Amino acid sequence: RELDRLGLRRVLVLSTPGQAAAARALGERLGPLCAGV
């Protein structure tokens, strides 16, 4: 909802190496809204 409110359609998910798994999971959840990790 918040991404849509800002008109964002391709976000790059950022994290540290230690949170890479959580970042990838979030990217998978976002599907086409995720430009990459």
All heavy atoms as atom14 arrays in JSON, in Angstrom:
{
  "sequence": "RELDRLGLRRVLVLSTPGQAAAARALGERLGPLCAGV",
  "atom14_mask": [
    [1, 1, 1, 1, 1, 1, 1, 1, 1, 1, 1, 0, 0, 0],
    [1, 1, 1, 1, 1, 1, 1, 1, 1, 0, 0, 0, 0, 0],
    [1, 1, 1, 1, 1, 1, 1, 1, 0, 0, 0, 0, 0, 0],
    [1, 1, 1, 1, 1, 1, 1, 1, 0, 0, 0, 0, 0, 0],
    [1, 1, 1, 1, 1, 1, 1, 1, 1, 1, 1, 0, 0, 0],
    [1, 1, 1, 1, 1, 1, 1, 1, 0, 0, 0, 0, 0, 0],
    [1, 1, 1, 1, 0, 0, 0, 0, 0, 0, 0, 0, 0, 0],
    [1, 1, 1, 1, 1, 1, 1, 1, 0, 0, 0, 0, 0, 0],
    [1, 1, 1, 1, 1, 1, 1, 1, 1, 1, 1, 0, 0, 0],
    [1, 1, 1, 1, 1, 1, 1, 1, 1, 1, 1, 0, 0, 0],
    [1, 1, 1, 1, 1, 1, 1, 0, 0, 0, 0, 0, 0, 0],
    [1, 1, 1, 1, 1, 1, 1, 1, 0, 0, 0, 0, 0, 0],
    [1, 1, 1, 1, 1, 1, 1, 0, 0, 0, 0, 0, 0, 0],
    [1, 1, 1, 1, 1, 1, 1, 1, 0, 0, 0, 0, 0, 0],
    [1, 1, 1, 1, 1, 1, 0, 0, 0, 0, 0, 0, 0, 0],
    [1, 1, 1, 1, 1, 1, 1, 0, 0, 0, 0, 0, 0, 0],
    [1, 1, 1, 1, 1, 1, 1, 0, 0, 0, 0, 0, 0, 0],
    [1, 1, 1, 1, 0, 0, 0, 0, 0, 0, 0, 0, 0, 0],
    [1, 1, 1, 1, 1, 1, 1, 1, 1, 0, 0, 0, 0, 0],
    [1, 1, 1, 1, 1, 0, 0, 0, 0, 0, 0, 0, 0, 0],
    [1, 1, 1, 1, 1, 0, 0, 0, 0, 0, 0, 0, 0, 0],
    [1, 1, 1, 1, 1, 0, 0, 0, 0, 0, 0, 0, 0, 0],
    [1, 1, 1, 1, 1, 0, 0, 0, 0, 0, 0, 0, 0, 0],
    [1, 1, 1, 1, 1, 1, 1, 1, 1, 1, 1, 0, 0, 0],
    [1, 1, 1, 1, 1, 0, 0, 0, 0, 0, 0, 0, 0, 0],
    [1, 1, 1, 1, 1, 1, 1, 1, 0, 0, 0, 0, 0, 0],
    [1, 1, 1, 1, 0, 0, 0, 0, 0, 0, 0, 0, 0, 0],
    [1, 1, 1, 1, 1, 1, 1, 1, 1, 0, 0, 0, 0, 0],
    [1, 1, 1, 1, 1, 1, 1, 1, 1, 1, 1, 0, 0, 0],
    [1, 1, 1, 1, 1, 1, 1, 1, 0, 0, 0, 0, 0, 0],
    [1, 1, 1, 1, 0, 0, 0, 0, 0, 0, 0, 0, 0, 0],
    [1, 1, 1, 1, 1, 1, 1, 0, 0, 0, 0, 0, 0, 0],
    [1, 1, 1, 1, 1, 1, 1, 1, 0, 0, 0, 0, 0, 0],
    [1, 1, 1, 1, 1, 1, 0, 0, 0, 0, 0, 0, 0, 0],
    [1, 1, 1, 1, 1, 0, 0, 0, 0, 0, 0, 0, 0, 0],
    [1, 1, 1, 1, 0, 0, 0, 0, 0, 0, 0, 0, 0, 0],
    [1, 1, 1, 1, 1, 1, 1, 0, 0, 0, 0, 0, 0, 0]
  ],
  "atom14_positions": [
    [[0.83, -1.21, 0.0], [0.0, 0.0, 0.0], [0.86, 1.25, 0.0], [0.58, 2.23, -0.72], [-0.91, -0.01, 1.23], [-1.82, 1.22, 1.36], [-2.41, 1.29, 2.75], [-1.43, 1.69, 3.75], [-1.64, 1.64, 5.08], [-2.79, 1.17, 5.54], [-0.71, 2.03, 5.92], [0.0, 0.0, 0.0], [0.0, 0.0, 0.0], [0.0, 0.0, 0.0]],
    [[1.92, 1.25, 0.8], [2.77, 2.43, 0.89], [3.58, 2.64, -0.39], [3.8, 3.79, -0.8], [3.71, 2.29, 2.11], [2.97, 2.27, 3.44], [2.1, 3.5, 3.64], [2.56, 4.62, 3.37], [0.94, 3.32, 4.07], [0.0, 0.0, 0.0], [0.0, 0.0, 0.0], [0.0, 0.0, 0.0], [0.0, 0.0, 0.0], [0.0, 0.0, 0.0]],
    [[4.02, 1.56, -1.02], [4.71, 1.71, -2.3], [3.76, 2.3, -3.34], [4.14, 3.18, -4.13], [5.25, 0.36, -2.77], [6.34, -0.3, -1.9], [6.75, -1.63, -2.51], [7.55, 0.63, -1.76], [0.0, 0.0, 0.0], [0.0, 0.0, 0.0], [0.0, 0.0, 0.0], [0.0, 0.0, 0.0], [0.0, 0.0, 0.0], [0.0, 0.0, 0.0]],
    [[2.54, 1.8, -3.36], [1.56, 2.3, -4.33], [1.26, 3.77, -4.08], [1.09, 4.55, -5.03], [0.28, 1.47, -4.23], [-0.77, 1.91, -5.23], [-0.55, 1.73, -6.44], [-1.82, 2.46, -4.81], [0.0, 0.0, 0.0], [0.0, 0.0, 0.0], [0.0, 0.0, 0.0], [0.0, 0.0, 0.0], [0.0, 0.0, 0.0], [0.0, 0.0, 0.0]],
    [[1.18, 4.14, -2.83], [0.91, 5.54, -2.49], [1.98, 6.47, -3.05], [1.69, 7.61, -3.42], [0.83, 5.68, -0.96], [0.43, 7.04, -0.46], [0.29, 7.04, 1.05], [-0.03, 8.37, 1.53], [0.88, 9.3, 1.77], [2.17, 9.03, 1.6], [0.53, 10.51, 2.19], [0.0, 0.0, 0.0], [0.0, 0.0, 0.0], [0.0, 0.0, 0.0]],
    [[3.21, 5.99, -3.11], [4.31, 6.79, -3.65], [4.49, 6.61, -5.15], [5.37, 7.23, -5.75], [5.62, 6.41, -2.94], [5.7, 6.79, -1.46], [6.92, 6.15, -0.81], [5.75, 8.31, -1.29], [0.0, 0.0, 0.0], [0.0, 0.0, 0.0], [0.0, 0.0, 0.0], [0.0, 0.0, 0.0], [0.0, 0.0, 0.0], [0.0, 0.0, 0.0]],
    [[3.69, 5.74, -5.74], [3.79, 5.49, -7.17], [5.01, 4.67, -7.56], [5.46, 4.74, -8.71], [0.0, 0.0, 0.0], [0.0, 0.0, 0.0], [0.0, 0.0, 0.0], [0.0, 0.0, 0.0], [0.0, 0.0, 0.0], [0.0, 0.0, 0.0], [0.0, 0.0, 0.0], [0.0, 0.0, 0.0], [0.0, 0.0, 0.0], [0.0, 0.0, 0.0]],
    [[5.53, 3.87, -6.64], [6.74, 3.08, -6.91], [6.36, 1.73, -7.5], [5.49, 1.04, -6.98], [7.55, 2.91, -5.63], [8.07, 4.21, -4.99], [8.84, 3.91, -3.71], [8.94, 4.98, -5.98], [0.0, 0.0, 0.0], [0.0, 0.0, 0.0], [0.0, 0.0, 0.0], [0.0, 0.0, 0.0], [0.0, 0.0, 0.0], [0.0, 0.0, 0.0]],
    [[7.06, 1.36, -8.58], [6.76, 0.11, -9.29], [7.95, -0.82, -9.39], [7.79, -2.0, -9.74], [6.26, 0.45, -10.72], [4.95, 1.25, -10.75], [3.8, 0.41, -10.27], [2.52, 1.15, -10.28], [2.02, 1.77, -9.23], [2.69, 1.76, -8.07], [0.88, 2.42, -9.31], [0.0, 0.0, 0.0], [0.0, 0.0, 0.0], [0.0, 0.0, 0.0]],
    [[9.17, -0.31, -9.12], [10.37, -1.15, -9.21], [11.36, -0.69, -8.14], [12.2, 0.18, -8.39], [11.02, -1.05, -10.59], [10.26, -1.76, -11.7], [11.01, -1.65, -13.03], [12.37, -2.2, -12.96], [12.66, -3.51, -13.05], [11.68, -4.4, -13.21], [13.9, -3.92, -12.99], [0.0, 0.0, 0.0], [0.0, 0.0, 0.0], [0.0, 0.0, 0.0]],
    [[11.25, -1.26, -6.95], [12.15, -0.84, -5.87], [13.32, -1.81, -5.75], [13.17, -3.03, -5.92], [11.42, -0.74, -4.52], [10.4, 0.38, -4.55], [10.76, -2.05, -4.13], [0.0, 0.0, 0.0], [0.0, 0.0, 0.0], [0.0, 0.0, 0.0], [0.0, 0.0, 0.0], [0.0, 0.0, 0.0], [0.0, 0.0, 0.0], [0.0, 0.0, 0.0]],
    [[14.48, -1.26, -5.48], [15.66, -2.06, -5.19], [15.71, -2.29, -3.69], [15.77, -1.34, -2.9], [16.92, -1.33, -5.65], [18.26, -2.06, -5.4], [18.33, -3.34, -6.23], [19.43, -1.13, -5.72], [0.0, 0.0, 0.0], [0.0, 0.0, 0.0], [0.0, 0.0, 0.0], [0.0, 0.0, 0.0], [0.0, 0.0, 0.0], [0.0, 0.0, 0.0]],
    [[15.63, -3.56, -3.27], [15.66, -3.9, -1.85], [17.1, -3.93, -1.38], [17.95, -4.61, -1.98], [14.98, -5.25, -1.59], [15.01, -5.58, -0.1], [13.54, -5.23, -2.1], [0.0, 0.0, 0.0], [0.0, 0.0, 0.0], [0.0, 0.0, 0.0], [0.0, 0.0, 0.0], [0.0, 0.0, 0.0], [0.0, 0.0, 0.0], [0.0, 0.0, 0.0]],
    [[17.39, -3.21, -0.3], [18.75, -3.1, 0.23], [18.84, -3.77, 1.58], [17.9, -3.71, 2.38], [19.15, -1.63, 0.38], [19.02, -0.73, -0.85], [19.33, 0.72, -0.47], [19.93, -1.2, -1.97], [0.0, 0.0, 0.0], [0.0, 0.0, 0.0], [0.0, 0.0, 0.0], [0.0, 0.0, 0.0], [0.0, 0.0, 0.0], [0.0, 0.0, 0.0]],
    [[20.0, -4.38, 1.87], [20.23, -4.97, 3.18], [21.73, -5.17, 3.38], [22.52, -5.0, 2.44], [19.52, -6.32, 3.32], [20.23, -7.34, 2.65], [0.0, 0.0, 0.0], [0.0, 0.0, 0.0], [0.0, 0.0, 0.0], [0.0, 0.0, 0.0], [0.0, 0.0, 0.0], [0.0, 0.0, 0.0], [0.0, 0.0, 0.0], [0.0, 0.0, 0.0]],
    [[22.1, -5.56, 4.58], [23.46, -6.03, 4.84], [23.55, -7.5, 4.44], [22.52, -8.16, 4.27], [23.8, -5.9, 6.33], [22.88, -6.71, 7.08], [23.69, -4.45, 6.8], [0.0, 0.0, 0.0], [0.0, 0.0, 0.0], [0.0, 0.0, 0.0], [0.0, 0.0, 0.0], [0.0, 0.0, 0.0], [0.0, 0.0, 0.0], [0.0, 0.0, 0.0]],
    [[24.76, -8.04, 4.34], [24.87, -9.48, 4.07], [24.17, -10.32, 5.13], [23.59, -11.38, 4.8], [26.38, -9.72, 4.08], [26.97, -8.4, 3.65], [26.08, -7.37, 4.27], [0.0, 0.0, 0.0], [0.0, 0.0, 0.0], [0.0, 0.0, 0.0], [0.0, 0.0, 0.0], [0.0, 0.0, 0.0], [0.0, 0.0, 0.0], [0.0, 0.0, 0.0]],
    [[24.19, -9.87, 6.38], [23.56, -10.64, 7.44], [22.05, -10.71, 7.33], [21.43, -11.61, 7.91], [0.0, 0.0, 0.0], [0.0, 0.0, 0.0], [0.0, 0.0, 0.0], [0.0, 0.0, 0.0], [0.0, 0.0, 0.0], [0.0, 0.0, 0.0], [0.0, 0.0, 0.0], [0.0, 0.0, 0.0], [0.0, 0.0, 0.0], [0.0, 0.0, 0.0]],
    [[21.43, -9.78, 6.61], [19.97, -9.8, 6.44], [19.58, -10.11, 5.01], [18.45, -9.84, 4.6], [19.38, -8.46, 6.88], [19.47, -8.22, 8.38], [18.67, -7.0, 8.83], [19.0, -5.88, 8.46], [17.65, -7.22, 9.62], [0.0, 0.0, 0.0], [0.0, 0.0, 0.0], [0.0, 0.0, 0.0], [0.0, 0.0, 0.0], [0.0, 0.0, 0.0]],
    [[20.51, -10.72, 4.28], [20.25, -11.01, 2.87], [19.05, -11.93, 2.69], [18.24, -11.73, 1.78], [21.49, -11.61, 2.23], [0.0, 0.0, 0.0], [0.0, 0.0, 0.0], [0.0, 0.0, 0.0], [0.0, 0.0, 0.0], [0.0, 0.0, 0.0], [0.0, 0.0, 0.0], [0.0, 0.0, 0.0], [0.0, 0.0, 0.0], [0.0, 0.0, 0.0]],
    [[18.93, -12.94, 3.53], [17.81, -13.88, 3.39], [16.47, -13.17, 3.58], [15.52, -13.4, 2.81], [17.96, -15.03, 4.38], [0.0, 0.0, 0.0], [0.0, 0.0, 0.0], [0.0, 0.0, 0.0], [0.0, 0.0, 0.0], [0.0, 0.0, 0.0], [0.0, 0.0, 0.0], [0.0, 0.0, 0.0], [0.0, 0.0, 0.0], [0.0, 0.0, 0.0]],
    [[16.39, -12.3, 4.59], [15.16, -11.55, 4.82], [14.87, -10.61, 3.66], [13.71, -10.43, 3.25], [15.26, -10.77, 6.12], [0.0, 0.0, 0.0], [0.0, 0.0, 0.0], [0.0, 0.0, 0.0], [0.0, 0.0, 0.0], [0.0, 0.0, 0.0], [0.0, 0.0, 0.0], [0.0, 0.0, 0.0], [0.0, 0.0, 0.0], [0.0, 0.0, 0.0]],
    [[15.92, -10.01, 3.09], [15.74, -9.1, 1.96], [15.24, -9.86, 0.73], [14.35, -9.39, 0.01], [17.05, -8.39, 1.64], [0.0, 0.0, 0.0], [0.0, 0.0, 0.0], [0.0, 0.0, 0.0], [0.0, 0.0, 0.0], [0.0, 0.0, 0.0], [0.0, 0.0, 0.0], [0.0, 0.0, 0.0], [0.0, 0.0, 0.0], [0.0, 0.0, 0.0]],
    [[15.81, -11.05, 0.49], [15.36, -11.84, -0.66], [13.91, -12.3, -0.48], [13.12, -12.3, -1.44], [16.28, -13.04, -0.86], [17.66, -12.67, -1.42], [18.4, -13.9, -1.91], [18.72, -14.81, -0.82], [19.84, -14.77, -0.11], [20.75, -13.83, -0.39], [20.07, -15.63, 0.87], [0.0, 0.0, 0.0], [0.0, 0.0, 0.0], [0.0, 0.0, 0.0]],
    [[13.57, -12.67, 0.75], [12.19, -13.08, 1.0], [11.22, -11.93, 0.76], [10.13, -12.11, 0.2], [12.06, -13.58, 2.44], [0.0, 0.0, 0.0], [0.0, 0.0, 0.0], [0.0, 0.0, 0.0], [0.0, 0.0, 0.0], [0.0, 0.0, 0.0], [0.0, 0.0, 0.0], [0.0, 0.0, 0.0], [0.0, 0.0, 0.0], [0.0, 0.0, 0.0]],
    [[11.63, -10.73, 1.17], [10.79, -9.57, 0.94], [10.67, -9.28, -0.55], [9.59, -8.93, -1.06], [11.36, -8.37, 1.68], [10.47, -7.13, 1.79], [9.14, -7.47, 2.44], [11.18, -6.04, 2.59], [0.0, 0.0, 0.0], [0.0, 0.0, 0.0], [0.0, 0.0, 0.0], [0.0, 0.0, 0.0], [0.0, 0.0, 0.0], [0.0, 0.0, 0.0]],
    [[11.79, -9.44, -1.27], [11.76, -9.24, -2.71], [10.83, -10.22, -3.41], [10.09, -9.86, -4.33], [0.0, 0.0, 0.0], [0.0, 0.0, 0.0], [0.0, 0.0, 0.0], [0.0, 0.0, 0.0], [0.0, 0.0, 0.0], [0.0, 0.0, 0.0], [0.0, 0.0, 0.0], [0.0, 0.0, 0.0], [0.0, 0.0, 0.0], [0.0, 0.0, 0.0]],
    [[10.86, -11.48, -2.95], [9.97, -12.49, -3.54], [8.51, -12.14, -3.25], [7.64, -12.34, -4.11], [10.33, -13.86, -2.97], [11.67, -14.38, -3.46], [12.07, -15.67, -2.79], [11.26, -16.19, -1.97], [13.19, -16.16, -3.03], [0.0, 0.0, 0.0], [0.0, 0.0, 0.0], [0.0, 0.0, 0.0], [0.0, 0.0, 0.0], [0.0, 0.0, 0.0]],
    [[8.26, -11.65, -2.06], [6.89, -11.26, -1.73], [6.41, -10.13, -2.64], [5.24, -10.12, -3.07], [6.84, -10.81, -0.27], [5.55, -10.08, 0.11], [5.59, -9.58, 1.53], [4.76, -8.38, 1.7], [4.62, -7.73, 2.85], [5.24, -8.18, 3.94], [3.86, -6.65, 2.92], [0.0, 0.0, 0.0], [0.0, 0.0, 0.0], [0.0, 0.0, 0.0]],
    [[7.29, -9.2, -2.95], [6.89, -8.05, -3.77], [6.71, -8.42, -5.24], [6.02, -7.71, -5.97], [7.93, -6.94, -3.65], [8.02, -6.24, -2.29], [9.17, -5.26, -2.27], [6.71, -5.52, -1.97], [0.0, 0.0, 0.0], [0.0, 0.0, 0.0], [0.0, 0.0, 0.0], [0.0, 0.0, 0.0], [0.0, 0.0, 0.0], [0.0, 0.0, 0.0]],
    [[7.34, -9.51, -5.66], [7.19, -9.94, -7.05], [7.66, -8.88, -8.03], [8.79, -8.39, -7.93], [0.0, 0.0, 0.0], [0.0, 0.0, 0.0], [0.0, 0.0, 0.0], [0.0, 0.0, 0.0], [0.0, 0.0, 0.0], [0.0, 0.0, 0.0], [0.0, 0.0, 0.0], [0.0, 0.0, 0.0], [0.0, 0.0, 0.0], [0.0, 0.0, 0.0]],
    [[6.82, -8.49, -8.99], [7.26, -7.52, -10.01], [7.54, -6.13, -9.44], [8.16, -5.3, -10.14], [6.07, -7.48, -10.99], [4.9, -7.99, -10.21], [5.46, -8.98, -9.24], [0.0, 0.0, 0.0], [0.0, 0.0, 0.0], [0.0, 0.0, 0.0], [0.0, 0.0, 0.0], [0.0, 0.0, 0.0], [0.0, 0.0, 0.0], [0.0, 0.0, 0.0]],
    [[7.14, -5.85, -8.21], [7.46, -4.56, -7.6], [8.92, -4.48, -7.18], [9.42, -3.4, -6.85], [6.57, -4.32, -6.38], [5.09, -4.08, -6.63], [4.34, -3.97, -5.29], [4.88, -2.83, -7.46], [0.0, 0.0, 0.0], [0.0, 0.0, 0.0], [0.0, 0.0, 0.0], [0.0, 0.0, 0.0], [0.0, 0.0, 0.0], [0.0, 0.0, 0.0]],
    [[9.62, -5.61, -7.18], [11.02, -5.66, -6.78], [11.91, -5.66, -8.01], [11.83, -6.57, -8.85], [11.29, -6.89, -5.93], [13.02, -7.1, -5.47], [0.0, 0.0, 0.0], [0.0, 0.0, 0.0], [0.0, 0.0, 0.0], [0.0, 0.0, 0.0], [0.0, 0.0, 0.0], [0.0, 0.0, 0.0], [0.0, 0.0, 0.0], [0.0, 0.0, 0.0]],
    [[12.77, -4.67, -8.11], [13.71, -4.59, -9.23], [14.93, -5.46, -8.99], [15.67, -5.77, -9.93], [14.15, -3.14, -9.45], [0.0, 0.0, 0.0], [0.0, 0.0, 0.0], [0.0, 0.0, 0.0], [0.0, 0.0, 0.0], [0.0, 0.0, 0.0], [0.0, 0.0, 0.0], [0.0, 0.0, 0.0], [0.0, 0.0, 0.0], [0.0, 0.0, 0.0]],
    [[15.17, -5.86, -7.75], [16.33, -6.67, -7.4], [16.68, -6.49, -5.95], [16.05, -5.69, -5.24], [0.0, 0.0, 0.0], [0.0, 0.0, 0.0], [0.0, 0.0, 0.0], [0.0, 0.0, 0.0], [0.0, 0.0, 0.0], [0.0, 0.0, 0.0], [0.0, 0.0, 0.0], [0.0, 0.0, 0.0], [0.0, 0.0, 0.0], [0.0, 0.0, 0.0]],
    [[17.7, -7.21, -5.5], [18.17, -7.14, -4.12], [19.66, -6.82, -4.14], [20.43, -7.49, -4.85], [17.92, -8.46, -3.37], [18.54, -8.41, -1.98], [16.43, -8.76, -3.29], [0.0, 0.0, 0.0], [0.0, 0.0, 0.0], [0.0, 0.0, 0.0], [0.0, 0.0, 0.0], [0.0, 0.0, 0.0], [0.0, 0.0, 0.0], [0.0, 0.0, 0.0]]
  ]
}
